[in-house]
PDBML (XML) file of the C-alpha atoms, coordinates in Angstrom:
<?xml version="1.0" encoding="UTF-8" ?>
<PDBx:datablock datablockName="MODEL"
   xmlns:PDBx="http://pdbml.pdb.org/schema/pdbx-v50.xsd"
   xmlns:xsi="http://www.w3.org/2001/XMLSchema-instance"
   xsi:schemaLocation="http://pdbml.pdb.org/schema/pdbx-v50.xsd pdbx-v50.xsd">
   <PDBx:atom_siteCategory>
      <PDBx:atom_site id="1">
         <PDBx:B_iso_or_equiv>0.00</PDBx:B_iso_or_equiv>
         <PDBx:Cartn_x>51.666</PDBx:Cartn_x>
         <PDBx:Cartn_y>68.636</PDBx:Cartn_y>
         <PDBx:Cartn_z>-21.498</PDBx:Cartn_z>
         <PDBx:auth_asym_id>A</PDBx:auth_asym_id>
         <PDBx:auth_atom_id>CA</PDBx:auth_atom_id>
         <PDBx:auth_comp_id>ASN</PDBx:auth_comp_id>
         <PDBx:auth_seq_id>1</PDBx:auth_seq_id>
         <PDBx:group_PDB>ATOM</PDBx:group_PDB>
         <PDBx:label_alt_id xsi:nil="true" />
         <PDBx:label_asym_id>A</PDBx:label_asym_id>
         <PDBx:label_atom_id>CA</PDBx:label_atom_id>
         <PDBx:label_comp_id>ASN</PDBx:label_comp_id>
         <PDBx:label_entity_id>1</PDBx:label_entity_id>
         <PDBx:label_seq_id>1</PDBx:label_seq_id>
         <PDBx:occupancy>1.00</PDBx:occupancy>
         <PDBx:pdbx_PDB_model_num>1</PDBx:pdbx_PDB_model_num>
         <PDBx:type_symbol>C</PDBx:type_symbol>
      </PDBx:atom_site>
      <PDBx:atom_site id="2">
         <PDBx:B_iso_or_equiv>0.00</PDBx:B_iso_or_equiv>
         <PDBx:Cartn_x>52.269</PDBx:Cartn_x>
         <PDBx:Cartn_y>68.434</PDBx:Cartn_y>
         <PDBx:Cartn_z>-25.249</PDBx:Cartn_z>
         <PDBx:auth_asym_id>A</PDBx:auth_asym_id>
         <PDBx:auth_atom_id>CA</PDBx:auth_atom_id>
         <PDBx:auth_comp_id>PRO</PDBx:auth_comp_id>
         <PDBx:auth_seq_id>2</PDBx:auth_seq_id>
         <PDBx:group_PDB>ATOM</PDBx:group_PDB>
         <PDBx:label_alt_id xsi:nil="true" />
         <PDBx:label_asym_id>A</PDBx:label_asym_id>
         <PDBx:label_atom_id>CA</PDBx:label_atom_id>
         <PDBx:label_comp_id>PRO</PDBx:label_comp_id>
         <PDBx:label_entity_id>1</PDBx:label_entity_id>
         <PDBx:label_seq_id>2</PDBx:label_seq_id>
         <PDBx:occupancy>1.00</PDBx:occupancy>
         <PDBx:pdbx_PDB_model_num>1</PDBx:pdbx_PDB_model_num>
         <PDBx:type_symbol>C</PDBx:type_symbol>
      </PDBx:atom_site>
      <PDBx:atom_site id="3">
         <PDBx:B_iso_or_equiv>0.00</PDBx:B_iso_or_equiv>
         <PDBx:Cartn_x>50.003</PDBx:Cartn_x>
         <PDBx:Cartn_y>66.154</PDBx:Cartn_y>
         <PDBx:Cartn_z>-27.269</PDBx:Cartn_z>
         <PDBx:auth_asym_id>A</PDBx:auth_asym_id>
         <PDBx:auth_atom_id>CA</PDBx:auth_atom_id>
         <PDBx:auth_comp_id>MET</PDBx:auth_comp_id>
         <PDBx:auth_seq_id>3</PDBx:auth_seq_id>
         <PDBx:group_PDB>ATOM</PDBx:group_PDB>
         <PDBx:label_alt_id xsi:nil="true" />
         <PDBx:label_asym_id>A</PDBx:label_asym_id>
         <PDBx:label_atom_id>CA</PDBx:label_atom_id>
         <PDBx:label_comp_id>MET</PDBx:label_comp_id>
         <PDBx:label_entity_id>1</PDBx:label_entity_id>
         <PDBx:label_seq_id>3</PDBx:label_seq_id>
         <PDBx:occupancy>1.00</PDBx:occupancy>
         <PDBx:pdbx_PDB_model_num>1</PDBx:pdbx_PDB_model_num>
         <PDBx:type_symbol>C</PDBx:type_symbol>
      </PDBx:atom_site>
      <PDBx:atom_site id="4">
         <PDBx:B_iso_or_equiv>0.00</PDBx:B_iso_or_equiv>
         <PDBx:Cartn_x>50.326</PDBx:Cartn_x>
         <PDBx:Cartn_y>64.818</PDBx:Cartn_y>
         <PDBx:Cartn_z>-30.783</PDBx:Cartn_z>
         <PDBx:auth_asym_id>A</PDBx:auth_asym_id>
         <PDBx:auth_atom_id>CA</PDBx:auth_atom_id>
         <PDBx:auth_comp_id>TYR</PDBx:auth_comp_id>
         <PDBx:auth_seq_id>4</PDBx:auth_seq_id>
         <PDBx:group_PDB>ATOM</PDBx:group_PDB>
         <PDBx:label_alt_id xsi:nil="true" />
         <PDBx:label_asym_id>A</PDBx:label_asym_id>
         <PDBx:label_atom_id>CA</PDBx:label_atom_id>
         <PDBx:label_comp_id>TYR</PDBx:label_comp_id>
         <PDBx:label_entity_id>1</PDBx:label_entity_id>
         <PDBx:label_seq_id>4</PDBx:label_seq_id>
         <PDBx:occupancy>1.00</PDBx:occupancy>
         <PDBx:pdbx_PDB_model_num>1</PDBx:pdbx_PDB_model_num>
         <PDBx:type_symbol>C</PDBx:type_symbol>
      </PDBx:atom_site>
      <PDBx:atom_site id="5">
         <PDBx:B_iso_or_equiv>0.00</PDBx:B_iso_or_equiv>
         <PDBx:Cartn_x>47.072</PDBx:Cartn_x>
         <PDBx:Cartn_y>65.265</PDBx:Cartn_y>
         <PDBx:Cartn_z>-32.719</PDBx:Cartn_z>
         <PDBx:auth_asym_id>A</PDBx:auth_asym_id>
         <PDBx:auth_atom_id>CA</PDBx:auth_atom_id>
         <PDBx:auth_comp_id>HIS</PDBx:auth_comp_id>
         <PDBx:auth_seq_id>5</PDBx:auth_seq_id>
         <PDBx:group_PDB>ATOM</PDBx:group_PDB>
         <PDBx:label_alt_id xsi:nil="true" />
         <PDBx:label_asym_id>A</PDBx:label_asym_id>
         <PDBx:label_atom_id>CA</PDBx:label_atom_id>
         <PDBx:label_comp_id>HIS</PDBx:label_comp_id>
         <PDBx:label_entity_id>1</PDBx:label_entity_id>
         <PDBx:label_seq_id>5</PDBx:label_seq_id>
         <PDBx:occupancy>1.00</PDBx:occupancy>
         <PDBx:pdbx_PDB_model_num>1</PDBx:pdbx_PDB_model_num>
         <PDBx:type_symbol>C</PDBx:type_symbol>
      </PDBx:atom_site>
      <PDBx:atom_site id="6">
         <PDBx:B_iso_or_equiv>0.00</PDBx:B_iso_or_equiv>
         <PDBx:Cartn_x>46.310</PDBx:Cartn_x>
         <PDBx:Cartn_y>62.454</PDBx:Cartn_y>
         <PDBx:Cartn_z>-35.162</PDBx:Cartn_z>
         <PDBx:auth_asym_id>A</PDBx:auth_asym_id>
         <PDBx:auth_atom_id>CA</PDBx:auth_atom_id>
         <PDBx:auth_comp_id>ALA</PDBx:auth_comp_id>
         <PDBx:auth_seq_id>6</PDBx:auth_seq_id>
         <PDBx:group_PDB>ATOM</PDBx:group_PDB>
         <PDBx:label_alt_id xsi:nil="true" />
         <PDBx:label_asym_id>A</PDBx:label_asym_id>
         <PDBx:label_atom_id>CA</PDBx:label_atom_id>
         <PDBx:label_comp_id>ALA</PDBx:label_comp_id>
         <PDBx:label_entity_id>1</PDBx:label_entity_id>
         <PDBx:label_seq_id>6</PDBx:label_seq_id>
         <PDBx:occupancy>1.00</PDBx:occupancy>
         <PDBx:pdbx_PDB_model_num>1</PDBx:pdbx_PDB_model_num>
         <PDBx:type_symbol>C</PDBx:type_symbol>
      </PDBx:atom_site>
      <PDBx:atom_site id="7">
         <PDBx:B_iso_or_equiv>0.00</PDBx:B_iso_or_equiv>
         <PDBx:Cartn_x>43.394</PDBx:Cartn_x>
         <PDBx:Cartn_y>62.612</PDBx:Cartn_y>
         <PDBx:Cartn_z>-37.596</PDBx:Cartn_z>
         <PDBx:auth_asym_id>A</PDBx:auth_asym_id>
         <PDBx:auth_atom_id>CA</PDBx:auth_atom_id>
         <PDBx:auth_comp_id>ILE</PDBx:auth_comp_id>
         <PDBx:auth_seq_id>7</PDBx:auth_seq_id>
         <PDBx:group_PDB>ATOM</PDBx:group_PDB>
         <PDBx:label_alt_id xsi:nil="true" />
         <PDBx:label_asym_id>A</PDBx:label_asym_id>
         <PDBx:label_atom_id>CA</PDBx:label_atom_id>
         <PDBx:label_comp_id>ILE</PDBx:label_comp_id>
         <PDBx:label_entity_id>1</PDBx:label_entity_id>
         <PDBx:label_seq_id>7</PDBx:label_seq_id>
         <PDBx:occupancy>1.00</PDBx:occupancy>
         <PDBx:pdbx_PDB_model_num>1</PDBx:pdbx_PDB_model_num>
         <PDBx:type_symbol>C</PDBx:type_symbol>
      </PDBx:atom_site>
      <PDBx:atom_site id="8">
         <PDBx:B_iso_or_equiv>0.00</PDBx:B_iso_or_equiv>
         <PDBx:Cartn_x>42.212</PDBx:Cartn_x>
         <PDBx:Cartn_y>59.127</PDBx:Cartn_y>
         <PDBx:Cartn_z>-38.560</PDBx:Cartn_z>
         <PDBx:auth_asym_id>A</PDBx:auth_asym_id>
         <PDBx:auth_atom_id>CA</PDBx:auth_atom_id>
         <PDBx:auth_comp_id>LEU</PDBx:auth_comp_id>
         <PDBx:auth_seq_id>8</PDBx:auth_seq_id>
         <PDBx:group_PDB>ATOM</PDBx:group_PDB>
         <PDBx:label_alt_id xsi:nil="true" />
         <PDBx:label_asym_id>A</PDBx:label_asym_id>
         <PDBx:label_atom_id>CA</PDBx:label_atom_id>
         <PDBx:label_comp_id>LEU</PDBx:label_comp_id>
         <PDBx:label_entity_id>1</PDBx:label_entity_id>
         <PDBx:label_seq_id>8</PDBx:label_seq_id>
         <PDBx:occupancy>1.00</PDBx:occupancy>
         <PDBx:pdbx_PDB_model_num>1</PDBx:pdbx_PDB_model_num>
         <PDBx:type_symbol>C</PDBx:type_symbol>
      </PDBx:atom_site>
      <PDBx:atom_site id="9">
         <PDBx:B_iso_or_equiv>0.00</PDBx:B_iso_or_equiv>
         <PDBx:Cartn_x>42.178</PDBx:Cartn_x>
         <PDBx:Cartn_y>58.875</PDBx:Cartn_y>
         <PDBx:Cartn_z>-42.387</PDBx:Cartn_z>
         <PDBx:auth_asym_id>A</PDBx:auth_asym_id>
         <PDBx:auth_atom_id>CA</PDBx:auth_atom_id>
         <PDBx:auth_comp_id>PRO</PDBx:auth_comp_id>
         <PDBx:auth_seq_id>9</PDBx:auth_seq_id>
         <PDBx:group_PDB>ATOM</PDBx:group_PDB>
         <PDBx:label_alt_id xsi:nil="true" />
         <PDBx:label_asym_id>A</PDBx:label_asym_id>
         <PDBx:label_atom_id>CA</PDBx:label_atom_id>
         <PDBx:label_comp_id>PRO</PDBx:label_comp_id>
         <PDBx:label_entity_id>1</PDBx:label_entity_id>
         <PDBx:label_seq_id>9</PDBx:label_seq_id>
         <PDBx:occupancy>1.00</PDBx:occupancy>
         <PDBx:pdbx_PDB_model_num>1</PDBx:pdbx_PDB_model_num>
         <PDBx:type_symbol>C</PDBx:type_symbol>
      </PDBx:atom_site>
      <PDBx:atom_site id="10">
         <PDBx:B_iso_or_equiv>0.00</PDBx:B_iso_or_equiv>
         <PDBx:Cartn_x>38.592</PDBx:Cartn_x>
         <PDBx:Cartn_y>58.391</PDBx:Cartn_y>
         <PDBx:Cartn_z>-43.652</PDBx:Cartn_z>
         <PDBx:auth_asym_id>A</PDBx:auth_asym_id>
         <PDBx:auth_atom_id>CA</PDBx:auth_atom_id>
         <PDBx:auth_comp_id>ALA</PDBx:auth_comp_id>
         <PDBx:auth_seq_id>10</PDBx:auth_seq_id>
         <PDBx:group_PDB>ATOM</PDBx:group_PDB>
         <PDBx:label_alt_id xsi:nil="true" />
         <PDBx:label_asym_id>A</PDBx:label_asym_id>
         <PDBx:label_atom_id>CA</PDBx:label_atom_id>
         <PDBx:label_comp_id>ALA</PDBx:label_comp_id>
         <PDBx:label_entity_id>1</PDBx:label_entity_id>
         <PDBx:label_seq_id>10</PDBx:label_seq_id>
         <PDBx:occupancy>1.00</PDBx:occupancy>
         <PDBx:pdbx_PDB_model_num>1</PDBx:pdbx_PDB_model_num>
         <PDBx:type_symbol>C</PDBx:type_symbol>
      </PDBx:atom_site>
      <PDBx:atom_site id="11">
         <PDBx:B_iso_or_equiv>0.00</PDBx:B_iso_or_equiv>
         <PDBx:Cartn_x>37.267</PDBx:Cartn_x>
         <PDBx:Cartn_y>59.059</PDBx:Cartn_y>
         <PDBx:Cartn_z>-40.146</PDBx:Cartn_z>
         <PDBx:auth_asym_id>A</PDBx:auth_asym_id>
         <PDBx:auth_atom_id>CA</PDBx:auth_atom_id>
         <PDBx:auth_comp_id>GLY</PDBx:auth_comp_id>
         <PDBx:auth_seq_id>11</PDBx:auth_seq_id>
         <PDBx:group_PDB>ATOM</PDBx:group_PDB>
         <PDBx:label_alt_id xsi:nil="true" />
         <PDBx:label_asym_id>A</PDBx:label_asym_id>
         <PDBx:label_atom_id>CA</PDBx:label_atom_id>
         <PDBx:label_comp_id>GLY</PDBx:label_comp_id>
         <PDBx:label_entity_id>1</PDBx:label_entity_id>
         <PDBx:label_seq_id>11</PDBx:label_seq_id>
         <PDBx:occupancy>1.00</PDBx:occupancy>
         <PDBx:pdbx_PDB_model_num>1</PDBx:pdbx_PDB_model_num>
         <PDBx:type_symbol>C</PDBx:type_symbol>
      </PDBx:atom_site>
      <PDBx:atom_site id="12">
         <PDBx:B_iso_or_equiv>0.00</PDBx:B_iso_or_equiv>
         <PDBx:Cartn_x>34.673</PDBx:Cartn_x>
         <PDBx:Cartn_y>61.712</PDBx:Cartn_y>
         <PDBx:Cartn_z>-39.382</PDBx:Cartn_z>
         <PDBx:auth_asym_id>A</PDBx:auth_asym_id>
         <PDBx:auth_atom_id>CA</PDBx:auth_atom_id>
         <PDBx:auth_comp_id>PHE</PDBx:auth_comp_id>
         <PDBx:auth_seq_id>12</PDBx:auth_seq_id>
         <PDBx:group_PDB>ATOM</PDBx:group_PDB>
         <PDBx:label_alt_id xsi:nil="true" />
         <PDBx:label_asym_id>A</PDBx:label_asym_id>
         <PDBx:label_atom_id>CA</PDBx:label_atom_id>
         <PDBx:label_comp_id>PHE</PDBx:label_comp_id>
         <PDBx:label_entity_id>1</PDBx:label_entity_id>
         <PDBx:label_seq_id>12</PDBx:label_seq_id>
         <PDBx:occupancy>1.00</PDBx:occupancy>
         <PDBx:pdbx_PDB_model_num>1</PDBx:pdbx_PDB_model_num>
         <PDBx:type_symbol>C</PDBx:type_symbol>
      </PDBx:atom_site>
      <PDBx:atom_site id="13">
         <PDBx:B_iso_or_equiv>0.00</PDBx:B_iso_or_equiv>
         <PDBx:Cartn_x>37.330</PDBx:Cartn_x>
         <PDBx:Cartn_y>64.238</PDBx:Cartn_y>
         <PDBx:Cartn_z>-38.333</PDBx:Cartn_z>
         <PDBx:auth_asym_id>A</PDBx:auth_asym_id>
         <PDBx:auth_atom_id>CA</PDBx:auth_atom_id>
         <PDBx:auth_comp_id>GLU</PDBx:auth_comp_id>
         <PDBx:auth_seq_id>13</PDBx:auth_seq_id>
         <PDBx:group_PDB>ATOM</PDBx:group_PDB>
         <PDBx:label_alt_id xsi:nil="true" />
         <PDBx:label_asym_id>A</PDBx:label_asym_id>
         <PDBx:label_atom_id>CA</PDBx:label_atom_id>
         <PDBx:label_comp_id>GLU</PDBx:label_comp_id>
         <PDBx:label_entity_id>1</PDBx:label_entity_id>
         <PDBx:label_seq_id>13</PDBx:label_seq_id>
         <PDBx:occupancy>1.00</PDBx:occupancy>
         <PDBx:pdbx_PDB_model_num>1</PDBx:pdbx_PDB_model_num>
         <PDBx:type_symbol>C</PDBx:type_symbol>
      </PDBx:atom_site>
      <PDBx:atom_site id="14">
         <PDBx:B_iso_or_equiv>0.00</PDBx:B_iso_or_equiv>
         <PDBx:Cartn_x>38.999</PDBx:Cartn_x>
         <PDBx:Cartn_y>63.891</PDBx:Cartn_y>
         <PDBx:Cartn_z>-41.731</PDBx:Cartn_z>
         <PDBx:auth_asym_id>A</PDBx:auth_asym_id>
         <PDBx:auth_atom_id>CA</PDBx:auth_atom_id>
         <PDBx:auth_comp_id>HIS</PDBx:auth_comp_id>
         <PDBx:auth_seq_id>14</PDBx:auth_seq_id>
         <PDBx:group_PDB>ATOM</PDBx:group_PDB>
         <PDBx:label_alt_id xsi:nil="true" />
         <PDBx:label_asym_id>A</PDBx:label_asym_id>
         <PDBx:label_atom_id>CA</PDBx:label_atom_id>
         <PDBx:label_comp_id>HIS</PDBx:label_comp_id>
         <PDBx:label_entity_id>1</PDBx:label_entity_id>
         <PDBx:label_seq_id>14</PDBx:label_seq_id>
         <PDBx:occupancy>1.00</PDBx:occupancy>
         <PDBx:pdbx_PDB_model_num>1</PDBx:pdbx_PDB_model_num>
         <PDBx:type_symbol>C</PDBx:type_symbol>
      </PDBx:atom_site>
      <PDBx:atom_site id="15">
         <PDBx:B_iso_or_equiv>0.00</PDBx:B_iso_or_equiv>
         <PDBx:Cartn_x>35.679</PDBx:Cartn_x>
         <PDBx:Cartn_y>64.161</PDBx:Cartn_y>
         <PDBx:Cartn_z>-43.576</PDBx:Cartn_z>
         <PDBx:auth_asym_id>A</PDBx:auth_asym_id>
         <PDBx:auth_atom_id>CA</PDBx:auth_atom_id>
         <PDBx:auth_comp_id>LYS</PDBx:auth_comp_id>
         <PDBx:auth_seq_id>15</PDBx:auth_seq_id>
         <PDBx:group_PDB>ATOM</PDBx:group_PDB>
         <PDBx:label_alt_id xsi:nil="true" />
         <PDBx:label_asym_id>A</PDBx:label_asym_id>
         <PDBx:label_atom_id>CA</PDBx:label_atom_id>
         <PDBx:label_comp_id>LYS</PDBx:label_comp_id>
         <PDBx:label_entity_id>1</PDBx:label_entity_id>
         <PDBx:label_seq_id>15</PDBx:label_seq_id>
         <PDBx:occupancy>1.00</PDBx:occupancy>
         <PDBx:pdbx_PDB_model_num>1</PDBx:pdbx_PDB_model_num>
         <PDBx:type_symbol>C</PDBx:type_symbol>
      </PDBx:atom_site>
      <PDBx:atom_site id="16">
         <PDBx:B_iso_or_equiv>0.00</PDBx:B_iso_or_equiv>
         <PDBx:Cartn_x>34.323</PDBx:Cartn_x>
         <PDBx:Cartn_y>67.131</PDBx:Cartn_y>
         <PDBx:Cartn_z>-41.639</PDBx:Cartn_z>
         <PDBx:auth_asym_id>A</PDBx:auth_asym_id>
         <PDBx:auth_atom_id>CA</PDBx:auth_atom_id>
         <PDBx:auth_comp_id>LEU</PDBx:auth_comp_id>
         <PDBx:auth_seq_id>16</PDBx:auth_seq_id>
         <PDBx:group_PDB>ATOM</PDBx:group_PDB>
         <PDBx:label_alt_id xsi:nil="true" />
         <PDBx:label_asym_id>A</PDBx:label_asym_id>
         <PDBx:label_atom_id>CA</PDBx:label_atom_id>
         <PDBx:label_comp_id>LEU</PDBx:label_comp_id>
         <PDBx:label_entity_id>1</PDBx:label_entity_id>
         <PDBx:label_seq_id>16</PDBx:label_seq_id>
         <PDBx:occupancy>1.00</PDBx:occupancy>
         <PDBx:pdbx_PDB_model_num>1</PDBx:pdbx_PDB_model_num>
         <PDBx:type_symbol>C</PDBx:type_symbol>
      </PDBx:atom_site>
      <PDBx:atom_site id="17">
         <PDBx:B_iso_or_equiv>0.00</PDBx:B_iso_or_equiv>
         <PDBx:Cartn_x>37.492</PDBx:Cartn_x>
         <PDBx:Cartn_y>69.222</PDBx:Cartn_y>
         <PDBx:Cartn_z>-41.764</PDBx:Cartn_z>
         <PDBx:auth_asym_id>A</PDBx:auth_asym_id>
         <PDBx:auth_atom_id>CA</PDBx:auth_atom_id>
         <PDBx:auth_comp_id>LEU</PDBx:auth_comp_id>
         <PDBx:auth_seq_id>17</PDBx:auth_seq_id>
         <PDBx:group_PDB>ATOM</PDBx:group_PDB>
         <PDBx:label_alt_id xsi:nil="true" />
         <PDBx:label_asym_id>A</PDBx:label_asym_id>
         <PDBx:label_atom_id>CA</PDBx:label_atom_id>
         <PDBx:label_comp_id>LEU</PDBx:label_comp_id>
         <PDBx:label_entity_id>1</PDBx:label_entity_id>
         <PDBx:label_seq_id>17</PDBx:label_seq_id>
         <PDBx:occupancy>1.00</PDBx:occupancy>
         <PDBx:pdbx_PDB_model_num>1</PDBx:pdbx_PDB_model_num>
         <PDBx:type_symbol>C</PDBx:type_symbol>
      </PDBx:atom_site>
      <PDBx:atom_site id="18">
         <PDBx:B_iso_or_equiv>0.00</PDBx:B_iso_or_equiv>
         <PDBx:Cartn_x>37.853</PDBx:Cartn_x>
         <PDBx:Cartn_y>68.696</PDBx:Cartn_y>
         <PDBx:Cartn_z>-45.503</PDBx:Cartn_z>
         <PDBx:auth_asym_id>A</PDBx:auth_asym_id>
         <PDBx:auth_atom_id>CA</PDBx:auth_atom_id>
         <PDBx:auth_comp_id>GLN</PDBx:auth_comp_id>
         <PDBx:auth_seq_id>18</PDBx:auth_seq_id>
         <PDBx:group_PDB>ATOM</PDBx:group_PDB>
         <PDBx:label_alt_id xsi:nil="true" />
         <PDBx:label_asym_id>A</PDBx:label_asym_id>
         <PDBx:label_atom_id>CA</PDBx:label_atom_id>
         <PDBx:label_comp_id>GLN</PDBx:label_comp_id>
         <PDBx:label_entity_id>1</PDBx:label_entity_id>
         <PDBx:label_seq_id>18</PDBx:label_seq_id>
         <PDBx:occupancy>1.00</PDBx:occupancy>
         <PDBx:pdbx_PDB_model_num>1</PDBx:pdbx_PDB_model_num>
         <PDBx:type_symbol>C</PDBx:type_symbol>
      </PDBx:atom_site>
      <PDBx:atom_site id="19">
         <PDBx:B_iso_or_equiv>0.00</PDBx:B_iso_or_equiv>
         <PDBx:Cartn_x>34.211</PDBx:Cartn_x>
         <PDBx:Cartn_y>68.899</PDBx:Cartn_y>
         <PDBx:Cartn_z>-46.478</PDBx:Cartn_z>
         <PDBx:auth_asym_id>A</PDBx:auth_asym_id>
         <PDBx:auth_atom_id>CA</PDBx:auth_atom_id>
         <PDBx:auth_comp_id>GLY</PDBx:auth_comp_id>
         <PDBx:auth_seq_id>19</PDBx:auth_seq_id>
         <PDBx:group_PDB>ATOM</PDBx:group_PDB>
         <PDBx:label_alt_id xsi:nil="true" />
         <PDBx:label_asym_id>A</PDBx:label_asym_id>
         <PDBx:label_atom_id>CA</PDBx:label_atom_id>
         <PDBx:label_comp_id>GLY</PDBx:label_comp_id>
         <PDBx:label_entity_id>1</PDBx:label_entity_id>
         <PDBx:label_seq_id>19</PDBx:label_seq_id>
         <PDBx:occupancy>1.00</PDBx:occupancy>
         <PDBx:pdbx_PDB_model_num>1</PDBx:pdbx_PDB_model_num>
         <PDBx:type_symbol>C</PDBx:type_symbol>
      </PDBx:atom_site>
      <PDBx:atom_site id="20">
         <PDBx:B_iso_or_equiv>0.00</PDBx:B_iso_or_equiv>
         <PDBx:Cartn_x>32.478</PDBx:Cartn_x>
         <PDBx:Cartn_y>71.245</PDBx:Cartn_y>
         <PDBx:Cartn_z>-44.066</PDBx:Cartn_z>
         <PDBx:auth_asym_id>A</PDBx:auth_asym_id>
         <PDBx:auth_atom_id>CA</PDBx:auth_atom_id>
         <PDBx:auth_comp_id>LEU</PDBx:auth_comp_id>
         <PDBx:auth_seq_id>20</PDBx:auth_seq_id>
         <PDBx:group_PDB>ATOM</PDBx:group_PDB>
         <PDBx:label_alt_id xsi:nil="true" />
         <PDBx:label_asym_id>A</PDBx:label_asym_id>
         <PDBx:label_atom_id>CA</PDBx:label_atom_id>
         <PDBx:label_comp_id>LEU</PDBx:label_comp_id>
         <PDBx:label_entity_id>1</PDBx:label_entity_id>
         <PDBx:label_seq_id>20</PDBx:label_seq_id>
         <PDBx:occupancy>1.00</PDBx:occupancy>
         <PDBx:pdbx_PDB_model_num>1</PDBx:pdbx_PDB_model_num>
         <PDBx:type_symbol>C</PDBx:type_symbol>
      </PDBx:atom_site>
      <PDBx:atom_site id="21">
         <PDBx:B_iso_or_equiv>0.00</PDBx:B_iso_or_equiv>
         <PDBx:Cartn_x>34.281</PDBx:Cartn_x>
         <PDBx:Cartn_y>74.417</PDBx:Cartn_y>
         <PDBx:Cartn_z>-45.309</PDBx:Cartn_z>
         <PDBx:auth_asym_id>A</PDBx:auth_asym_id>
         <PDBx:auth_atom_id>CA</PDBx:auth_atom_id>
         <PDBx:auth_comp_id>PRO</PDBx:auth_comp_id>
         <PDBx:auth_seq_id>21</PDBx:auth_seq_id>
         <PDBx:group_PDB>ATOM</PDBx:group_PDB>
         <PDBx:label_alt_id xsi:nil="true" />
         <PDBx:label_asym_id>A</PDBx:label_asym_id>
         <PDBx:label_atom_id>CA</PDBx:label_atom_id>
         <PDBx:label_comp_id>PRO</PDBx:label_comp_id>
         <PDBx:label_entity_id>1</PDBx:label_entity_id>
         <PDBx:label_seq_id>21</PDBx:label_seq_id>
         <PDBx:occupancy>1.00</PDBx:occupancy>
         <PDBx:pdbx_PDB_model_num>1</PDBx:pdbx_PDB_model_num>
         <PDBx:type_symbol>C</PDBx:type_symbol>
      </PDBx:atom_site>
      <PDBx:atom_site id="22">
         <PDBx:B_iso_or_equiv>0.00</PDBx:B_iso_or_equiv>
         <PDBx:Cartn_x>32.822</PDBx:Cartn_x>
         <PDBx:Cartn_y>73.753</PDBx:Cartn_y>
         <PDBx:Cartn_z>-48.779</PDBx:Cartn_z>
         <PDBx:auth_asym_id>A</PDBx:auth_asym_id>
         <PDBx:auth_atom_id>CA</PDBx:auth_atom_id>
         <PDBx:auth_comp_id>GLN</PDBx:auth_comp_id>
         <PDBx:auth_seq_id>22</PDBx:auth_seq_id>
         <PDBx:group_PDB>ATOM</PDBx:group_PDB>
         <PDBx:label_alt_id xsi:nil="true" />
         <PDBx:label_asym_id>A</PDBx:label_asym_id>
         <PDBx:label_atom_id>CA</PDBx:label_atom_id>
         <PDBx:label_comp_id>GLN</PDBx:label_comp_id>
         <PDBx:label_entity_id>1</PDBx:label_entity_id>
         <PDBx:label_seq_id>22</PDBx:label_seq_id>
         <PDBx:occupancy>1.00</PDBx:occupancy>
         <PDBx:pdbx_PDB_model_num>1</PDBx:pdbx_PDB_model_num>
         <PDBx:type_symbol>C</PDBx:type_symbol>
      </PDBx:atom_site>
      <PDBx:atom_site id="23">
         <PDBx:B_iso_or_equiv>0.00</PDBx:B_iso_or_equiv>
         <PDBx:Cartn_x>29.295</PDBx:Cartn_x>
         <PDBx:Cartn_y>74.258</PDBx:Cartn_y>
         <PDBx:Cartn_z>-47.459</PDBx:Cartn_z>
         <PDBx:auth_asym_id>A</PDBx:auth_asym_id>
         <PDBx:auth_atom_id>CA</PDBx:auth_atom_id>
         <PDBx:auth_comp_id>GLU</PDBx:auth_comp_id>
         <PDBx:auth_seq_id>23</PDBx:auth_seq_id>
         <PDBx:group_PDB>ATOM</PDBx:group_PDB>
         <PDBx:label_alt_id xsi:nil="true" />
         <PDBx:label_asym_id>A</PDBx:label_asym_id>
         <PDBx:label_atom_id>CA</PDBx:label_atom_id>
         <PDBx:label_comp_id>GLU</PDBx:label_comp_id>
         <PDBx:label_entity_id>1</PDBx:label_entity_id>
         <PDBx:label_seq_id>23</PDBx:label_seq_id>
         <PDBx:occupancy>1.00</PDBx:occupancy>
         <PDBx:pdbx_PDB_model_num>1</PDBx:pdbx_PDB_model_num>
         <PDBx:type_symbol>C</PDBx:type_symbol>
      </PDBx:atom_site>
      <PDBx:atom_site id="24">
         <PDBx:B_iso_or_equiv>0.00</PDBx:B_iso_or_equiv>
         <PDBx:Cartn_x>29.598</PDBx:Cartn_x>
         <PDBx:Cartn_y>78.071</PDBx:Cartn_y>
         <PDBx:Cartn_z>-47.350</PDBx:Cartn_z>
         <PDBx:auth_asym_id>A</PDBx:auth_asym_id>
         <PDBx:auth_atom_id>CA</PDBx:auth_atom_id>
         <PDBx:auth_comp_id>PRO</PDBx:auth_comp_id>
         <PDBx:auth_seq_id>24</PDBx:auth_seq_id>
         <PDBx:group_PDB>ATOM</PDBx:group_PDB>
         <PDBx:label_alt_id xsi:nil="true" />
         <PDBx:label_asym_id>A</PDBx:label_asym_id>
         <PDBx:label_atom_id>CA</PDBx:label_atom_id>
         <PDBx:label_comp_id>PRO</PDBx:label_comp_id>
         <PDBx:label_entity_id>1</PDBx:label_entity_id>
         <PDBx:label_seq_id>24</PDBx:label_seq_id>
         <PDBx:occupancy>1.00</PDBx:occupancy>
         <PDBx:pdbx_PDB_model_num>1</PDBx:pdbx_PDB_model_num>
         <PDBx:type_symbol>C</PDBx:type_symbol>
      </PDBx:atom_site>
   </PDBx:atom_siteCategory>
</PDBx:datablock>
């Protein structure tokens, strides 16, 4: 059951994964 993970550019997944770690 392999799956290919795609992050939509400019979507919330992109924004959160790039930005959220800056909060600390």
